[in-house]
Amino acid sequence: MTGQRRGVGFEGLEDRRLLAVAWADGELLVQFAPDASAEARTAARALLEGECIETIHTESMKDQNWGAIEPVRLGKGRTVEQAAR
């Protein structure tokens, strides 16, 4: 499933049925494509009505051509389940 706005989209992962899940309420971990610009990351957070808690992009991640990871605090009233769709 993909949500898009102004050239920014989320790529859904395969459906997973988990017996138990642990997460930080009101936060979502987002990994961006390696070539995602700062503007694209800002636009993606806007879709979630969220704010970046920190940006994780180690030298090892860069060497592997992996994109940055951001824990995102979701907007008020937004659940993890809603944001992950």
Protein backbone atom coordinates (compact mmCIF):
# COMPACT_ATOMS: atom_id res chain seq x y z
CA MET A 1 0.00 0.00 0.00
CA THR A 2 1.43 3.41 -0.89
CA GLY A 3 0.34 6.85 0.33
CA GLN A 4 1.53 9.72 -1.81
CA ARG A 5 1.53 13.49 -1.73
CA ARG A 6 3.71 15.84 -3.74
CA GLY A 7 6.07 13.15 -5.04
CA VAL A 8 6.60 11.55 -1.64
CA GLY A 9 5.36 8.08 -0.85
CA PHE A 10 5.61 5.24 1.60
CA GLU A 11 6.42 1.75 0.46
CA GLY A 12 4.50 -0.89 2.35
CA LEU A 13 6.17 -4.06 3.49
CA GLU A 14 4.71 -7.51 3.08
CA ASP A 15 1.82 -8.33 5.39
CA ARG A 16 3.09 -9.72 8.68
CA ARG A 17 1.09 -11.41 11.39
CA LEU A 18 2.91 -10.97 14.68
CA LEU A 19 1.96 -12.79 17.85
CA ALA A 20 3.43 -10.09 20.03
CA VAL A 21 4.57 -6.58 19.20
CA ALA A 22 6.48 -4.04 21.24
CA TRP A 23 6.71 -0.43 20.19
CA ALA A 24 6.95 3.04 21.61
CA ASP A 25 3.44 4.44 21.67
CA GLY A 26 3.14 7.42 19.34
CA GLU A 27 6.47 6.76 17.59
CA LEU A 28 7.30 5.12 14.27
CA LEU A 29 10.71 4.09 12.97
CA VAL A 30 11.11 5.20 9.34
CA GLN A 31 13.94 4.21 7.00
CA PHE A 32 14.39 6.34 3.90
CA ALA A 33 15.77 5.45 0.50
CA PRO A 34 19.52 6.16 0.26
CA ASP A 35 18.94 9.06 -2.15
CA ALA A 36 16.07 10.69 -0.19
CA SER A 37 16.73 14.40 0.16
CA ALA A 38 16.19 16.40 3.33
CA GLU A 39 13.13 17.92 1.63
CA ALA A 40 11.68 14.47 0.91
CA ARG A 41 12.23 13.38 4.53
CA THR A 42 10.51 16.57 5.73
CA ALA A 43 7.56 15.92 3.40
CA ALA A 44 7.27 12.31 4.63
CA ARG A 45 7.17 13.47 8.25
CA ALA A 46 4.48 15.98 7.29
CA LEU A 47 2.34 13.10 5.96
CA LEU A 48 2.62 11.51 9.41
CA GLU A 49 2.07 14.84 11.13
CA GLY A 50 5.25 13.93 12.97
CA GLU A 51 8.59 15.26 14.07
CA CYS A 52 12.03 13.70 13.82
CA ILE A 53 13.43 12.59 17.17
CA GLU A 54 16.88 11.91 15.72
CA THR A 55 18.54 10.90 12.46
CA ILE A 56 20.57 7.69 12.42
CA HIS A 57 22.91 7.32 9.46
CA THR A 58 26.18 5.69 10.46
CA GLU A 59 29.25 5.35 8.28
CA SER A 60 28.52 1.63 8.01
CA MET A 61 24.99 2.37 6.77
CA LYS A 62 26.40 4.78 4.19
CA ASP A 63 29.00 2.19 3.09
CA GLN A 64 26.18 -0.35 2.57
CA ASN A 65 24.14 2.28 0.64
CA TRP A 66 21.36 2.20 3.23
CA GLY A 67 19.20 5.24 3.83
CA ALA A 68 18.89 7.16 7.07
CA ILE A 69 16.60 5.91 9.84
CA GLU A 70 14.50 8.33 11.86
CA PRO A 71 12.40 7.62 14.90
CA VAL A 72 9.40 9.90 14.28
CA ARG A 73 7.07 11.17 17.01
CA LEU A 74 3.60 11.09 15.53
CA GLY A 75 1.15 13.97 15.61
CA LYS A 76 -1.36 14.19 18.43
CA GLY A 77 -4.12 11.60 18.12
CA ARG A 78 -2.24 9.63 15.44
CA THR A 79 -1.69 5.97 16.33
CA VAL A 80 1.18 3.76 15.20
CA GLU A 81 -1.33 1.51 13.43
CA GLN A 82 -2.75 4.43 11.45
CA ALA A 83 0.68 5.78 10.51
CA ALA A 84 2.01 2.38 9.43
CA ARG A 85 -0.74 1.98 6.80
